[in-house]
Amino acid sequence: MNIRQMLLDVDKAVARPSLLEIAQAIDACSGVEAVTITVEEIDIETVGMNVTIEGENMNYDEITRAIESTGAVVHSLDQIAIGSRIAPRILRVR
């Protein structure tokens, strides 16, 4: 299965790890070509982030282990793109 893009919901403690440490851990995984980390919310103890990862033939388990090795926690896989290209997202009209 050729995983090309993932959107992960990730939390970390306010103090550590840094966003840079998380990004470096993900970037070191096989197949990863780009990482974007967006802070979505901050409270007293934790930082909630969306982590978008793009590449080719990425391994979800390897990436999850890399993130968790920094001390951050993967809560969920919220979006995934698989195949020879990334299909554009089409918003539904209500």
PDB file of N, CA and C in Angstrom:
ATOM      1  N   MET A   1       0.858  -1.171   0.000  1.00  0.00           N
ATOM      2  CA  MET A   1       0.000   0.000   0.000  1.00  0.00           C
ATOM      3  C   MET A   1       0.905   1.236   0.000  1.00  0.00           C
ATOM      4  N   ASN A   2       0.689   2.108  -0.962  1.00  0.00           N
ATOM      5  CA  ASN A   2       1.501   3.316  -1.110  1.00  0.00           C
ATOM      6  C   ASN A   2       0.838   4.490  -0.381  1.00  0.00           C
ATOM      7  N   ILE A   3       1.244   4.708   0.878  1.00  0.00           N
ATOM      8  CA  ILE A   3       0.716   5.853   1.632  1.00  0.00           C
ATOM      9  C   ILE A   3       1.450   7.099   1.165  1.00  0.00           C
ATOM     10  N   ARG A   4       0.682   8.089   0.677  1.00  0.00           N
ATOM     11  CA  ARG A   4       1.251   9.324   0.134  1.00  0.00           C
ATOM     12  C   ARG A   4       1.063  10.522   1.055  1.00  0.00           C
ATOM     13  N   GLN A   5      -0.006  10.505   1.863  1.00  0.00           N
ATOM     14  CA  GLN A   5      -0.280  11.640   2.741  1.00  0.00           C
ATOM     15  C   GLN A   5      -1.066  11.161   3.956  1.00  0.00           C
ATOM     16  N   MET A   6      -0.725  11.742   5.125  1.00  0.00           N
ATOM     17  CA  MET A   6      -1.445  11.428   6.359  1.00  0.00           C
ATOM     18  C   MET A   6      -1.667  12.719   7.142  1.00  0.00           C
ATOM     19  N   LEU A   7      -2.792  12.773   7.825  1.00  0.00           N
ATOM     20  CA  LEU A   7      -3.074  13.843   8.771  1.00  0.00           C
ATOM     21  C   LEU A   7      -3.277  13.177  10.126  1.00  0.00           C
ATOM     22  N   LEU A   8      -2.399  13.500  11.082  1.00  0.00           N
ATOM     23  CA  LEU A   8      -2.447  12.904  12.405  1.00  0.00           C
ATOM     24  C   LEU A   8      -2.830  13.944  13.445  1.00  0.00           C
ATOM     25  N   ASP A   9      -3.600  13.526  14.446  1.00  0.00           N
ATOM     26  CA  ASP A   9      -3.911  14.346  15.610  1.00  0.00           C
ATOM     27  C   ASP A   9      -2.912  13.934  16.685  1.00  0.00           C
ATOM     28  N   VAL A  10      -2.043  14.877  17.080  1.00  0.00           N
ATOM     29  CA  VAL A  10      -0.942  14.581  18.001  1.00  0.00           C
ATOM     30  C   VAL A  10      -0.976  15.565  19.162  1.00  0.00           C
ATOM     31  N   ASP A  11      -0.715  15.072  20.378  1.00  0.00           N
ATOM     32  CA  ASP A  11      -0.582  15.919  21.558  1.00  0.00           C
ATOM     33  C   ASP A  11       0.824  15.778  22.133  1.00  0.00           C
ATOM     34  N   LYS A  12       1.293  16.863  22.766  1.00  0.00           N
ATOM     35  CA  LYS A  12       2.576  16.842  23.459  1.00  0.00           C
ATOM     36  C   LYS A  12       2.455  17.680  24.712  1.00  0.00           C
ATOM     37  N   ALA A  13       3.384  17.498  25.639  1.00  0.00           N
ATOM     38  CA  ALA A  13       3.445  18.354  26.821  1.00  0.00           C
ATOM     39  C   ALA A  13       3.911  19.739  26.378  1.00  0.00           C
ATOM     40  N   VAL A  14       3.528  20.760  27.133  1.00  0.00           N
ATOM     41  CA  VAL A  14       3.892  22.134  26.777  1.00  0.00           C
ATOM     42  C   VAL A  14       5.409  22.292  26.688  1.00  0.00           C
ATOM     43  N   ALA A  15       6.135  21.744  27.657  1.00  0.00           N
ATOM     44  CA  ALA A  15       7.585  21.962  27.719  1.00  0.00           C
ATOM     45  C   ALA A  15       8.379  21.140  26.708  1.00  0.00           C
ATOM     46  N   ARG A  16       8.101  19.878  26.590  1.00  0.00           N
ATOM     47  CA  ARG A  16       8.870  18.991  25.720  1.00  0.00           C
ATOM     48  C   ARG A  16       7.970  17.932  25.139  1.00  0.00           C
ATOM     49  N   PRO A  17       8.242  17.422  23.990  1.00  0.00           N
ATOM     50  CA  PRO A  17       9.319  17.777  23.071  1.00  0.00           C
ATOM     51  C   PRO A  17       8.981  19.054  22.306  1.00  0.00           C
ATOM     52  N   SER A  18       9.964  19.614  21.652  1.00  0.00           N
ATOM     53  CA  SER A  18       9.712  20.788  20.818  1.00  0.00           C
ATOM     54  C   SER A  18       9.116  20.340  19.482  1.00  0.00           C
ATOM     55  N   LEU A  19       8.498  21.264  18.767  1.00  0.00           N
ATOM     56  CA  LEU A  19       7.977  20.949  17.433  1.00  0.00           C
ATOM     57  C   LEU A  19       9.113  20.493  16.526  1.00  0.00           C
ATOM     58  N   LEU A  20      10.284  21.108  16.675  1.00  0.00           N
ATOM     59  CA  LEU A  20      11.441  20.745  15.860  1.00  0.00           C
ATOM     60  C   LEU A  20      11.856  19.297  16.110  1.00  0.00           C
ATOM     61  N   GLU A  21      11.846  18.866  17.376  1.00  0.00           N
ATOM     62  CA  GLU A  21      12.210  17.479  17.686  1.00  0.00           C
ATOM     63  C   GLU A  21      11.230  16.495  17.058  1.00  0.00           C
ATOM     64  N   ILE A  22       9.952  16.817  17.100  1.00  0.00           N
ATOM     65  CA  ILE A  22       8.940  15.943  16.494  1.00  0.00           C
ATOM     66  C   ILE A  22       9.123  15.902  14.982  1.00  0.00           C
ATOM     67  N   ALA A  23       9.305  17.072  14.372  1.00  0.00           N
ATOM     68  CA  ALA A  23       9.496  17.138  12.916  1.00  0.00           C
ATOM     69  C   ALA A  23      10.735  16.360  12.482  1.00  0.00           C
ATOM     70  N   GLN A  24      11.827  16.471  13.224  1.00  0.00           N
ATOM     71  CA  GLN A  24      13.052  15.747  12.881  1.00  0.00           C
ATOM     72  C   GLN A  24      12.849  14.239  12.969  1.00  0.00           C
ATOM     73  N   ALA A  25      12.117  13.786  13.989  1.00  0.00           N
ATOM     74  CA  ALA A  25      11.850  12.352  14.142  1.00  0.00           C
ATOM     75  C   ALA A  25      11.026  11.819  12.972  1.00  0.00           C
ATOM     76  N   ILE A  26      10.033  12.582  12.554  1.00  0.00           N
ATOM     77  CA  ILE A  26       9.198  12.168  11.419  1.00  0.00           C
ATOM     78  C   ILE A  26      10.006  12.186  10.133  1.00  0.00           C
ATOM     79  N   ASP A  27      10.782  13.245   9.932  1.00  0.00           N
ATOM     80  CA  ASP A  27      11.580  13.412   8.707  1.00  0.00           C
ATOM     81  C   ASP A  27      12.584  12.274   8.520  1.00  0.00           C
ATOM     82  N   ALA A  28      13.024  11.661   9.612  1.00  0.00           N
ATOM     83  CA  ALA A  28      13.987  10.567   9.536  1.00  0.00           C
ATOM     84  C   ALA A  28      13.358   9.245   9.095  1.00  0.00           C
ATOM     85  N   CYS A  29      12.032   9.180   9.025  1.00  0.00           N
ATOM     86  CA  CYS A  29      11.342   7.944   8.626  1.00  0.00           C
ATOM     87  C   CYS A  29      11.401   7.741   7.124  1.00  0.00           C
ATOM     88  N   SER A  30      11.417   6.479   6.719  1.00  0.00           N
ATOM     89  CA  SER A  30      11.512   6.151   5.297  1.00  0.00           C
ATOM     90  C   SER A  30      10.293   6.643   4.533  1.00  0.00           C
ATOM     91  N   GLY A  31      10.552   7.205   3.364  1.00  0.00           N
ATOM     92  CA  GLY A  31       9.496   7.658   2.470  1.00  0.00           C
ATOM     93  C   GLY A  31       8.980   9.053   2.728  1.00  0.00           C
ATOM     94  N   VAL A  32       9.318   9.658   3.862  1.00  0.00           N
ATOM     95  CA  VAL A  32       8.805  10.989   4.204  1.00  0.00           C
ATOM     96  C   VAL A  32       9.531  12.043   3.379  1.00  0.00           C
ATOM     97  N   GLU A  33       8.738  12.909   2.727  1.00  0.00           N
ATOM     98  CA  GLU A  33       9.296  13.991   1.926  1.00  0.00           C
ATOM     99  C   GLU A  33       8.965  15.373   2.484  1.00  0.00           C
ATOM    100  N   ALA A  34       7.881  15.496   3.251  1.00  0.00           N
ATOM    101  CA  ALA A  34       7.486  16.795   3.801  1.00  0.00           C
ATOM    102  C   ALA A  34       6.669  16.593   5.071  1.00  0.00           C
ATOM    103  N   VAL A  35       6.867  17.511   6.034  1.00  0.00           N
ATOM    104  CA  VAL A  35       6.148  17.477   7.304  1.00  0.00           C
ATOM    105  C   VAL A  35       5.673  18.893   7.623  1.00  0.00           C
ATOM    106  N   THR A  36       4.396  19.023   7.961  1.00  0.00           N
ATOM    107  CA  THR A  36       3.850  20.298   8.437  1.00  0.00           C
ATOM    108  C   THR A  36       3.174  20.049   9.770  1.00  0.00           C
ATOM    109  N   ILE A  37       3.589  20.807  10.799  1.00  0.00           N
ATOM    110  CA  ILE A  37       2.988  20.689  12.122  1.00  0.00           C
ATOM    111  C   ILE A  37       2.280  22.005  12.425  1.00  0.00           C
ATOM    112  N   THR A  38       0.992  21.917  12.722  1.00  0.00           N
ATOM    113  CA  THR A  38       0.184  23.097  13.028  1.00  0.00           C
ATOM    114  C   THR A  38      -0.380  22.961  14.431  1.00  0.00           C
ATOM    115  N   VAL A  39      -0.063  23.930  15.305  1.00  0.00           N
ATOM    116  CA  VAL A  39      -0.616  23.934  16.656  1.00  0.00           C
ATOM    117  C   VAL A  39      -2.067  24.378  16.566  1.00  0.00           C
ATOM    118  N   GLU A  40      -2.955  23.555  17.108  1.00  0.00           N
ATOM    119  CA  GLU A  40      -4.385  23.828  17.059  1.00  0.00           C
ATOM    120  C   GLU A  40      -4.916  24.383  18.378  1.00  0.00           C
ATOM    121  N   GLU A  41      -4.360  23.894  19.489  1.00  0.00           N
ATOM    122  CA  GLU A  41      -4.813  24.388  20.788  1.00  0.00           C
ATOM    123  C   GLU A  41      -3.725  24.188  21.833  1.00  0.00           C
ATOM    124  N   ILE A  42      -3.717  25.085  22.813  1.00  0.00           N
ATOM    125  CA  ILE A  42      -2.764  25.020  23.921  1.00  0.00           C
ATOM    126  C   ILE A  42      -3.543  25.189  25.214  1.00  0.00           C
ATOM    127  N   ASP A  43      -3.304  24.296  26.173  1.00  0.00           N
ATOM    128  CA  ASP A  43      -3.866  24.520  27.501  1.00  0.00           C
ATOM    129  C   ASP A  43      -2.711  24.530  28.499  1.00  0.00           C
ATOM    130  N   ILE A  44      -2.993  24.423  29.757  1.00  0.00           N
ATOM    131  CA  ILE A  44      -1.962  24.553  30.784  1.00  0.00           C
ATOM    132  C   ILE A  44      -0.870  23.494  30.647  1.00  0.00           C
ATOM    133  N   GLU A  45      -1.244  22.264  30.297  1.00  0.00           N
ATOM    134  CA  GLU A  45      -0.279  21.169  30.278  1.00  0.00           C
ATOM    135  C   GLU A  45       0.041  20.610  28.904  1.00  0.00           C
ATOM    136  N   THR A  46      -0.860  20.755  27.932  1.00  0.00           N
ATOM    137  CA  THR A  46      -0.653  20.091  26.642  1.00  0.00           C
ATOM    138  C   THR A  46      -0.833  21.025  25.451  1.00  0.00           C
ATOM    139  N   VAL A  47      -0.252  20.582  24.342  1.00  0.00           N
ATOM    140  CA  VAL A  47      -0.374  21.266  23.062  1.00  0.00           C
ATOM    141  C   VAL A  47      -0.975  20.267  22.077  1.00  0.00           C
ATOM    142  N   GLY A  48      -2.095  20.623  21.451  1.00  0.00           N
ATOM    143  CA  GLY A  48      -2.735  19.781  20.448  1.00  0.00           C
ATOM    144  C   GLY A  48      -2.316  20.236  19.059  1.00  0.00           C
ATOM    145  N   MET A  49      -1.920  19.288  18.211  1.00  0.00           N
ATOM    146  CA  MET A  49      -1.383  19.617  16.894  1.00  0.00           C
ATOM    147  C   MET A  49      -1.996  18.749  15.802  1.00  0.00           C
ATOM    148  N   ASN A  50      -2.078  19.315  14.608  1.00  0.00           N
ATOM    149  CA  ASN A  50      -2.334  18.544  13.400  1.00  0.00           C
ATOM    150  C   ASN A  50      -0.997  18.377  12.705  1.00  0.00           C
ATOM    151  N   VAL A  51      -0.661  17.144  12.359  1.00  0.00           N
ATOM    152  CA  VAL A  51       0.601  16.853  11.689  1.00  0.00           C
ATOM    153  C   VAL A  51       0.283  16.269  10.314  1.00  0.00           C
ATOM    154  N   THR A  52       0.656  17.011   9.267  1.00  0.00           N
ATOM    155  CA  THR A  52       0.462  16.554   7.898  1.00  0.00           C
ATOM    156  C   THR A  52       1.803  16.053   7.377  1.00  0.00           C
ATOM    157  N   ILE A  53       1.783  14.839   6.826  1.00  0.00           N
ATOM    158  CA  ILE A  53       3.008  14.212   6.338  1.00  0.00           C
ATOM    159  C   ILE A  53       2.763  13.755   4.911  1.00  0.00           C
ATOM    160  N   GLU A  54       3.698  14.094   4.022  1.00  0.00           N
ATOM    161  CA  GLU A  54       3.603  13.664   2.630  1.00  0.00           C
ATOM    162  C   GLU A  54       4.864  12.914   2.237  1.00  0.00           C
ATOM    163  N   GLY A  55       4.708  11.993   1.307  1.00  0.00           N
ATOM    164  CA  GLY A  55       5.839  11.223   0.817  1.00  0.00           C
ATOM    165  C   GLY A  55       5.366  10.113  -0.088  1.00  0.00           C
ATOM    166  N   GLU A  56       6.140   9.048  -0.097  1.00  0.00           N
ATOM    167  CA  GLU A  56       5.796   7.905  -0.933  1.00  0.00           C
ATOM    168  C   GLU A  56       6.164   6.632  -0.190  1.00  0.00           C
ATOM    169  N   ASN A  57       5.238   5.669  -0.199  1.00  0.00           N
ATOM    170  CA  ASN A  57       5.439   4.388   0.491  1.00  0.00           C
ATOM    171  C   ASN A  57       5.820   4.577   1.949  1.00  0.00           C
ATOM    172  N   MET A  58       5.132   5.497   2.623  1.00  0.00           N
ATOM    173  CA  MET A  58       5.409   5.739   4.043  1.00  0.00           C
ATOM    174  C   MET A  58       4.827   4.621   4.889  1.00  0.00           C
ATOM    175  N   ASN A  59       5.411   4.419   6.063  1.00  0.00           N
ATOM    176  CA  ASN A  59       4.980   3.370   6.968  1.00  0.00           C
ATOM    177  C   ASN A  59       4.339   4.017   8.195  1.00  0.00           C
ATOM    178  N   TYR A  60       3.037   3.846   8.358  1.00  0.00           N
ATOM    179  CA  TYR A  60       2.305   4.461   9.466  1.00  0.00           C
ATOM    180  C   TYR A  60       2.888   4.058  10.815  1.00  0.00           C
ATOM    181  N   ASP A  61       3.165   2.775  11.005  1.00  0.00           N
ATOM    182  CA  ASP A  61       3.675   2.301  12.301  1.00  0.00           C
ATOM    183  C   ASP A  61       5.047   2.901  12.613  1.00  0.00           C
ATOM    184  N   GLU A  62       5.912   2.999  11.618  1.00  0.00           N
ATOM    185  CA  GLU A  62       7.242   3.593  11.822  1.00  0.00           C
ATOM    186  C   GLU A  62       7.115   5.061  12.228  1.00  0.00           C
ATOM    187  N   ILE A  63       6.227   5.785  11.570  1.00  0.00           N
ATOM    188  CA  ILE A  63       6.034   7.203  11.873  1.00  0.00           C
ATOM    189  C   ILE A  63       5.442   7.384  13.266  1.00  0.00           C
ATOM    190  N   THR A  64       4.473   6.551  13.619  1.00  0.00           N
ATOM    191  CA  THR A  64       3.877   6.616  14.957  1.00  0.00           C
ATOM    192  C   THR A  64       4.923   6.347  16.031  1.00  0.00           C
ATOM    193  N   ARG A  65       5.749   5.324  15.822  1.00  0.00           N
ATOM    194  CA  ARG A  65       6.816   5.019  16.785  1.00  0.00           C
ATOM    195  C   ARG A  65       7.789   6.189  16.904  1.00  0.00           C
ATOM    196  N   ALA A  66       8.132   6.822  15.780  1.00  0.00           N
ATOM    197  CA  ALA A  66       9.065   7.956  15.800  1.00  0.00           C
ATOM    198  C   ALA A  66       8.491   9.124  16.605  1.00  0.00           C
ATOM    199  N   ILE A  67       7.218   9.421  16.385  1.00  0.00           N
ATOM    200  CA  ILE A  67       6.568  10.510  17.124  1.00  0.00           C
ATOM    201  C   ILE A  67       6.538  10.183  18.610  1.00  0.00           C
ATOM    202  N   GLU A  68       6.139   8.976  18.951  1.00  0.00           N
ATOM    203  CA  GLU A  68       6.013   8.596  20.356  1.00  0.00           C
ATOM    204  C   GLU A  68       7.369   8.472  21.042  1.00  0.00           C
ATOM    205  N   SER A  69       8.431   8.233  20.280  1.00  0.00           N
ATOM    206  CA  SER A  69       9.775   8.174  20.875  1.00  0.00           C
ATOM    207  C   SER A  69      10.231   9.548  21.373  1.00  0.00           C
ATOM    208  N   THR A  70       9.608  10.607  20.880  1.00  0.00           N
ATOM    209  CA  THR A  70       9.941  11.958  21.340  1.00  0.00           C
ATOM    210  C   THR A  70       9.200  12.323  22.615  1.00  0.00           C
ATOM    211  N   GLY A  71       8.173  11.548  22.972  1.00  0.00           N
ATOM    212  CA  GLY A  71       7.350  11.842  24.136  1.00  0.00           C
ATOM    213  C   GLY A  71       5.979  12.382  23.781  1.00  0.00           C
ATOM    214  N   ALA A  72       5.726  12.614  22.497  1.00  0.00           N
ATOM    215  CA  ALA A  72       4.404  13.043  22.041  1.00  0.00           C
ATOM    216  C   ALA A  72       3.504  11.812  21.881  1.00  0.00           C
ATOM    217  N   VAL A  73       2.195  12.038  21.708  1.00  0.00           N
ATOM    218  CA  VAL A  73       1.231  10.945  21.610  1.00  0.00           C
ATOM    219  C   VAL A  73       0.368  11.133  20.368  1.00  0.00           C
ATOM    220  N   VAL A  74       0.247  10.079  19.557  1.00  0.00           N
ATOM    221  CA  VAL A  74      -0.639  10.102  18.395  1.00  0.00           C
ATOM    222  C   VAL A  74      -2.023   9.672  18.860  1.00  0.00           C
ATOM    223  N   HIS A  75      -3.017  10.571  18.707  1.00  0.00           N
ATOM    224  CA  HIS A  75      -4.383  10.253  19.119  1.00  0.00           C
ATOM    225  C   HIS A  75      -5.160   9.576  18.010  1.00  0.00           C
ATOM    226  N   SER A  76      -4.976  10.048  16.767  1.00  0.00           N
ATOM    227  CA  SER A  76      -5.758   9.446  15.688  1.00  0.00           C
ATOM    228  C   SER A  76      -5.162   9.773  14.333  1.00  0.00           C
ATOM    229  N   LEU A  77      -5.513   8.929  13.382  1.00  0.00           N
ATOM    230  CA  LEU A  77      -5.234   9.157  11.967  1.00  0.00           C
ATOM    231  C   LEU A  77      -6.518   9.746  11.407  1.00  0.00           C
ATOM    232  N   ASP A  78      -6.492  11.037  11.054  1.00  0.00           N
ATOM    233  CA  ASP A  78      -7.712  11.740  10.653  1.00  0.00           C
ATOM    234  C   ASP A  78      -7.917  11.807   9.148  1.00  0.00           C
ATOM    235  N   GLN A  79      -6.863  11.585   8.377  1.00  0.00           N
ATOM    236  CA  GLN A  79      -6.995  11.590   6.917  1.00  0.00           C
ATOM    237  C   GLN A  79      -5.824  10.812   6.341  1.00  0.00           C
ATOM    238  N   ILE A  80      -6.078  10.104   5.237  1.00  0.00           N
ATOM    239  CA  ILE A  80      -5.013   9.351   4.587  1.00  0.00           C
ATOM    240  C   ILE A  80      -5.254   9.372   3.081  1.00  0.00           C
ATOM    241  N   ALA A  81      -4.161   9.469   2.323  1.00  0.00           N
ATOM    242  CA  ALA A  81      -4.221   9.383   0.861  1.00  0.00           C
ATOM    243  C   ALA A  81      -3.304   8.244   0.431  1.00  0.00           C
ATOM    244  N   ILE A  82      -3.847   7.351  -0.367  1.00  0.00           N
ATOM    245  CA  ILE A  82      -3.126   6.159  -0.797  1.00  0.00           C
ATOM    246  C   ILE A  82      -3.246   6.040  -2.316  1.00  0.00           C
ATOM    247  N   GLY A  83      -2.172   5.592  -2.959  1.00  0.00           N
ATOM    248  CA  GLY A  83      -2.225   5.340  -4.393  1.00  0.00           C
ATOM    249  C   GLY A  83      -1.088   6.004  -5.134  1.00  0.00           C
ATOM    250  N   SER A  84      -1.255   6.159  -6.432  1.00  0.00           N
ATOM    251  CA  SER A  84      -0.198   6.730  -7.263  1.00  0.00           C
ATOM    252  C   SER A  84      -0.212   8.252  -7.275  1.00  0.00           C
ATOM    253  N   ARG A  85      -1.294   8.856  -6.727  1.00  0.00           N
ATOM    254  CA  ARG A  85      -1.364  10.318  -6.616  1.00  0.00           C
ATOM    255  C   ARG A  85      -2.278  10.658  -5.449  1.00  0.00           C
ATOM    256  N   ILE A  86      -2.320  11.942  -5.097  1.00  0.00           N
ATOM    257  CA  ILE A  86      -3.189  12.399  -4.012  1.00  0.00           C
ATOM    258  C   ILE A  86      -4.457  12.975  -4.626  1.00  0.00           C
ATOM    259  N   ALA A  87      -5.593  12.384  -4.301  1.00  0.00           N
ATOM    260  CA  ALA A  87      -6.874  12.852  -4.810  1.00  0.00           C
ATOM    261  C   ALA A  87      -7.256  14.141  -4.074  1.00  0.00           C
ATOM    262  N   PRO A  88      -7.714  15.163  -4.792  1.00  0.00           N
ATOM    263  CA  PRO A  88      -8.107  16.400  -4.120  1.00  0.00           C
ATOM    264  C   PRO A  88      -9.353  16.188  -3.266  1.00  0.00           C
ATOM    265  N   ARG A  89      -9.406  16.903  -2.158  1.00  0.00           N
ATOM    266  CA  ARG A  89     -10.570  16.824  -1.284  1.00  0.00           C
ATOM    267  C   ARG A  89     -11.690  17.669  -1.879  1.00  0.00           C
ATOM    268  N   ILE A  90     -12.875  17.107  -1.950  1.00  0.00           N
ATOM    269  CA  ILE A  90     -14.037  17.815  -2.471  1.00  0.00           C
ATOM    270  C   ILE A  90     -14.991  18.059  -1.306  1.00  0.00           C
ATOM    271  N   LEU A  91     -15.262  19.314  -1.028  1.00  0.00           N
ATOM    272  CA  LEU A  91     -16.165  19.671   0.066  1.00  0.00           C
ATOM    273  C   LEU A  91     -17.609  19.438  -0.363  1.00  0.00           C
ATOM    274  N   ARG A  92     -18.394  18.853   0.529  1.00  0.00           N
ATOM    275  CA  ARG A  92     -19.800  18.626   0.248  1.00  0.00           C
ATOM    276  C   ARG A  92     -20.573  19.902   0.502  1.00  0.00           C
ATOM    277  N   VAL A  93     -21.530  20.167  -0.375  1.00  0.00           N
ATOM    278  CA  VAL A  93     -22.401  21.317  -0.196  1.00  0.00           C
ATOM    279  C   VAL A  93     -23.625  20.841   0.563  1.00  0.00           C
ATOM    280  N   ARG A  94     -23.997  21.566   1.583  1.00  0.00           N
ATOM    281  CA  ARG A  94     -25.157  21.147   2.375  1.00  0.00           C
ATOM    282  C   ARG A  94     -26.339  22.001   2.031  1.00  0.00           C
TER     283      ARG A  94
END
